[in-house]
Amino acid sequence: VLSFIIFICYIASQATSFMMAPLLEFLLALFLFFAYASKLNEKFKGLYWPLMDFLRCVSAAIIYFAISIAAVSKYNDGASKAAGVFGFIATIVYAIDFYITFNDLVTFLKQGSSDSPEGHKSEDEDSNSDSD
């Protein structure tokens, strides 16, 4: 919702060149929301869903921070200032989401790595028995 509000503010402002970033973030967040809601993450196990969400949060926080600084410092109209302020709020929200998603990603990666050490142990044991 915040990305959509920022998108509307940029459309109404003189900083229309910045409107693509919030639009893409809004569409990407909408896609991931519907993917999780329709349980696509359970159907397509080959994709690292937590990693995709993590990268989306990191890129959104960085991009919103950069365009918010530019919008607030370069343009004087109220809509640009409002988009910049909402952009700073979005940066904080995405940073919090980044932290939460990072914890989910670590848990997800630990689950994936708990299956692999057994396979590595048997390979290591085979190589050690060959050298004896």
C-alpha atoms as a PDB file:
ATOM      1  CA  VAL A   1       0.000   0.000   0.000  1.00  0.00           C
ATOM      2  CA  LEU A   2       2.840   2.346   0.861  1.00  0.00           C
ATOM      3  CA  SER A   3       4.483   1.751  -2.522  1.00  0.00           C
ATOM      4  CA  PHE A   4       1.212   2.560  -4.276  1.00  0.00           C
ATOM      5  CA  ILE A   5       0.834   5.805  -2.293  1.00  0.00           C
ATOM      6  CA  ILE A   6       4.401   6.797  -3.202  1.00  0.00           C
ATOM      7  CA  PHE A   7       3.674   5.966  -6.844  1.00  0.00           C
ATOM      8  CA  ILE A   8       0.614   8.258  -6.807  1.00  0.00           C
ATOM      9  CA  CYS A   9       2.632  11.047  -5.163  1.00  0.00           C
ATOM     10  CA  TYR A  10       5.334  10.808  -7.827  1.00  0.00           C
ATOM     11  CA  ILE A  11       2.729  10.935 -10.597  1.00  0.00           C
ATOM     12  CA  ALA A  12       1.328  14.152  -9.121  1.00  0.00           C
ATOM     13  CA  SER A  13       4.762  15.698  -8.580  1.00  0.00           C
ATOM     14  CA  GLN A  14       7.450  17.221 -10.751  1.00  0.00           C
ATOM     15  CA  ALA A  15       9.627  14.160 -10.029  1.00  0.00           C
ATOM     16  CA  THR A  16       7.746  11.877 -12.411  1.00  0.00           C
ATOM     17  CA  SER A  17      10.997  10.235 -13.436  1.00  0.00           C
ATOM     18  CA  PHE A  18      11.011   8.442 -10.069  1.00  0.00           C
ATOM     19  CA  MET A  19       7.569   6.876 -10.487  1.00  0.00           C
ATOM     20  CA  MET A  20       8.851   3.615 -12.009  1.00  0.00           C
ATOM     21  CA  ALA A  21      10.636   2.399  -8.853  1.00  0.00           C
ATOM     22  CA  PRO A  22       7.558   2.446  -6.577  1.00  0.00           C
ATOM     23  CA  LEU A  23       5.434   0.943  -9.340  1.00  0.00           C
ATOM     24  CA  LEU A  24       7.822  -1.978  -9.816  1.00  0.00           C
ATOM     25  CA  GLU A  25       8.114  -2.519  -6.065  1.00  0.00           C
ATOM     26  CA  PHE A  26       4.343  -2.452  -5.735  1.00  0.00           C
ATOM     27  CA  LEU A  27       3.891  -4.998  -8.532  1.00  0.00           C
ATOM     28  CA  LEU A  28       6.648  -7.235  -7.184  1.00  0.00           C
ATOM     29  CA  ALA A  29       5.210  -7.120  -3.661  1.00  0.00           C
ATOM     30  CA  LEU A  30       1.761  -7.861  -5.082  1.00  0.00           C
ATOM     31  CA  PHE A  31       3.118 -10.847  -7.028  1.00  0.00           C
ATOM     32  CA  LEU A  32       4.883 -12.283  -3.981  1.00  0.00           C
ATOM     33  CA  PHE A  33       1.803 -11.687  -1.830  1.00  0.00           C
ATOM     34  CA  PHE A  34      -0.396 -13.634  -4.248  1.00  0.00           C
ATOM     35  CA  ALA A  35       2.281 -16.299  -4.660  1.00  0.00           C
ATOM     36  CA  TYR A  36       2.342 -16.898  -0.914  1.00  0.00           C
ATOM     37  CA  ALA A  37      -1.459 -16.609  -0.629  1.00  0.00           C
ATOM     38  CA  SER A  38      -2.024 -19.183  -3.384  1.00  0.00           C
ATOM     39  CA  LYS A  39       0.745 -21.371  -1.908  1.00  0.00           C
ATOM     40  CA  LEU A  40       2.907 -21.271  -5.034  1.00  0.00           C
ATOM     41  CA  ASN A  41       5.911 -21.481  -2.743  1.00  0.00           C
ATOM     42  CA  GLU A  42       4.826 -24.997  -1.791  1.00  0.00           C
ATOM     43  CA  LYS A  43       4.187 -26.016  -5.411  1.00  0.00           C
ATOM     44  CA  PHE A  44       7.500 -24.733  -6.795  1.00  0.00           C
ATOM     45  CA  LYS A  45      10.090 -26.035  -4.332  1.00  0.00           C
ATOM     46  CA  GLY A  46      13.012 -25.349  -6.702  1.00  0.00           C
ATOM     47  CA  LEU A  47      12.785 -21.593  -6.169  1.00  0.00           C
ATOM     48  CA  TYR A  48      14.269 -20.059  -3.043  1.00  0.00           C
ATOM     49  CA  TRP A  49      11.217 -18.012  -2.037  1.00  0.00           C
ATOM     50  CA  PRO A  50      12.707 -16.544   1.151  1.00  0.00           C
ATOM     51  CA  LEU A  51      15.766 -15.435  -0.837  1.00  0.00           C
ATOM     52  CA  MET A  52      13.571 -13.707  -3.430  1.00  0.00           C
ATOM     53  CA  ASP A  53      11.683 -11.910  -0.677  1.00  0.00           C
ATOM     54  CA  PHE A  54      14.967 -10.995   1.035  1.00  0.00           C
ATOM     55  CA  LEU A  55      16.427  -9.508  -2.168  1.00  0.00           C
ATOM     56  CA  ARG A  56      13.206  -7.590  -2.801  1.00  0.00           C
ATOM     57  CA  CYS A  57      13.373  -6.044   0.675  1.00  0.00           C
ATOM     58  CA  VAL A  58      17.035  -5.100   0.394  1.00  0.00           C
ATOM     59  CA  SER A  59      16.672  -3.572  -3.071  1.00  0.00           C
ATOM     60  CA  ALA A  60      13.492  -1.712  -2.098  1.00  0.00           C
ATOM     61  CA  ALA A  61      15.083  -0.202   1.014  1.00  0.00           C
ATOM     62  CA  ILE A  62      18.128   0.989  -0.933  1.00  0.00           C
ATOM     63  CA  ILE A  63      16.138   2.334  -3.884  1.00  0.00           C
ATOM     64  CA  TYR A  64      13.548   4.110  -1.725  1.00  0.00           C
ATOM     65  CA  PHE A  65      16.265   5.715   0.362  1.00  0.00           C
ATOM     66  CA  ALA A  66      18.099   6.986  -2.726  1.00  0.00           C
ATOM     67  CA  ILE A  67      15.076   8.369  -4.574  1.00  0.00           C
ATOM     68  CA  SER A  68      13.654   9.885  -1.396  1.00  0.00           C
ATOM     69  CA  ILE A  69      16.830  11.873  -0.821  1.00  0.00           C
ATOM     70  CA  ALA A  70      16.742  13.038  -4.440  1.00  0.00           C
ATOM     71  CA  ALA A  71      13.046  13.926  -4.324  1.00  0.00           C
ATOM     72  CA  VAL A  72      13.303  15.908  -1.096  1.00  0.00           C
ATOM     73  CA  SER A  73      16.489  17.764  -1.979  1.00  0.00           C
ATOM     74  CA  LYS A  74      15.989  18.440  -5.685  1.00  0.00           C
ATOM     75  CA  TYR A  75      12.275  19.244  -6.096  1.00  0.00           C
ATOM     76  CA  ASN A  76      10.304  21.960  -4.312  1.00  0.00           C
ATOM     77  CA  ASP A  77       6.684  20.948  -4.900  1.00  0.00           C
ATOM     78  CA  GLY A  78       4.575  19.430  -2.125  1.00  0.00           C
ATOM     79  CA  ALA A  79       3.908  16.140  -3.897  1.00  0.00           C
ATOM     80  CA  SER A  80       7.635  15.484  -4.294  1.00  0.00           C
ATOM     81  CA  LYS A  81       8.214  16.273  -0.638  1.00  0.00           C
ATOM     82  CA  ALA A  82       5.335  13.977   0.357  1.00  0.00           C
ATOM     83  CA  ALA A  83       6.689  11.199  -1.867  1.00  0.00           C
ATOM     84  CA  GLY A  84      10.100  11.668  -0.272  1.00  0.00           C
ATOM     85  CA  VAL A  85       8.709  11.487   3.258  1.00  0.00           C
ATOM     86  CA  PHE A  86       6.656   8.401   2.397  1.00  0.00           C
ATOM     87  CA  GLY A  87       9.785   7.008   0.774  1.00  0.00           C
ATOM     88  CA  PHE A  88      11.735   7.392   4.015  1.00  0.00           C
ATOM     89  CA  ILE A  89       8.893   5.649   5.866  1.00  0.00           C
ATOM     90  CA  ALA A  90       8.975   2.889   3.246  1.00  0.00           C
ATOM     91  CA  THR A  91      12.740   2.585   3.746  1.00  0.00           C
ATOM     92  CA  ILE A  92      12.176   1.933   7.450  1.00  0.00           C
ATOM     93  CA  VAL A  93       9.350  -0.523   6.749  1.00  0.00           C
ATOM     94  CA  TYR A  94      11.442  -2.433   4.203  1.00  0.00           C
ATOM     95  CA  ALA A  95      14.407  -2.448   6.588  1.00  0.00           C
ATOM     96  CA  ILE A  96      12.243  -4.036   9.276  1.00  0.00           C
ATOM     97  CA  ASP A  97      10.917  -6.504   6.717  1.00  0.00           C
ATOM     98  CA  PHE A  98      14.525  -7.143   5.659  1.00  0.00           C
ATOM     99  CA  TYR A  99      15.407  -8.077   9.243  1.00  0.00           C
ATOM    100  CA  ILE A 100      12.417 -10.397   9.637  1.00  0.00           C
ATOM    101  CA  THR A 101      12.993 -11.989   6.241  1.00  0.00           C
ATOM    102  CA  PHE A 102      16.675 -12.456   7.014  1.00  0.00           C
ATOM    103  CA  ASN A 103      15.741 -14.544  10.048  1.00  0.00           C
ATOM    104  CA  ASP A 104      13.362 -16.615   7.882  1.00  0.00           C
ATOM    105  CA  LEU A 105      16.087 -17.022   5.264  1.00  0.00           C
ATOM    106  CA  VAL A 106      18.586 -18.277   7.846  1.00  0.00           C
ATOM    107  CA  THR A 107      16.024 -20.802   9.114  1.00  0.00           C
ATOM    108  CA  PHE A 108      15.265 -21.861   5.526  1.00  0.00           C
ATOM    109  CA  LEU A 109      18.945 -22.319   4.700  1.00  0.00           C
ATOM    110  CA  LYS A 110      19.570 -24.282   7.903  1.00  0.00           C
ATOM    111  CA  GLN A 111      16.760 -26.653   6.960  1.00  0.00           C
ATOM    112  CA  GLY A 112      18.329 -27.168   3.534  1.00  0.00           C
ATOM    113  CA  SER A 113      21.800 -27.722   4.981  1.00  0.00           C
ATOM    114  CA  SER A 114      20.580 -30.212   7.605  1.00  0.00           C
ATOM    115  CA  ASP A 115      19.833 -32.702   4.825  1.00  0.00           C
ATOM    116  CA  SER A 116      23.198 -32.332   3.110  1.00  0.00           C
ATOM    117  CA  PRO A 117      25.717 -33.171   5.900  1.00  0.00           C
ATOM    118  CA  GLU A 118      24.584 -36.789   5.921  1.00  0.00           C
ATOM    119  CA  GLY A 119      25.460 -37.047   2.255  1.00  0.00           C
ATOM    120  CA  HIS A 120      28.808 -35.345   2.902  1.00  0.00           C
ATOM    121  CA  LYS A 121      29.611 -37.687   5.793  1.00  0.00           C
ATOM    122  CA  SER A 122      29.173 -40.761   3.668  1.00  0.00           C
ATOM    123  CA  GLU A 123      31.358 -39.260   0.940  1.00  0.00           C
ATOM    124  CA  ASP A 124      34.017 -38.308   3.493  1.00  0.00           C
ATOM    125  CA  GLU A 125      33.922 -41.777   5.048  1.00  0.00           C
ATOM    126  CA  ASP A 126      34.313 -43.355   1.603  1.00  0.00           C
ATOM    127  CA  SER A 127      37.322 -41.194   0.810  1.00  0.00           C
ATOM    128  CA  ASN A 128      38.901 -41.963   4.191  1.00  0.00           C
ATOM    129  CA  SER A 129      38.384 -45.703   3.765  1.00  0.00           C
ATOM    130  CA  ASP A 130      40.022 -45.568   0.324  1.00  0.00           C
ATOM    131  CA  SER A 131      43.139 -43.936   1.736  1.00  0.00           C
ATOM    132  CA  ASP A 132      43.458 -46.607   4.469  1.00  0.00           C
END
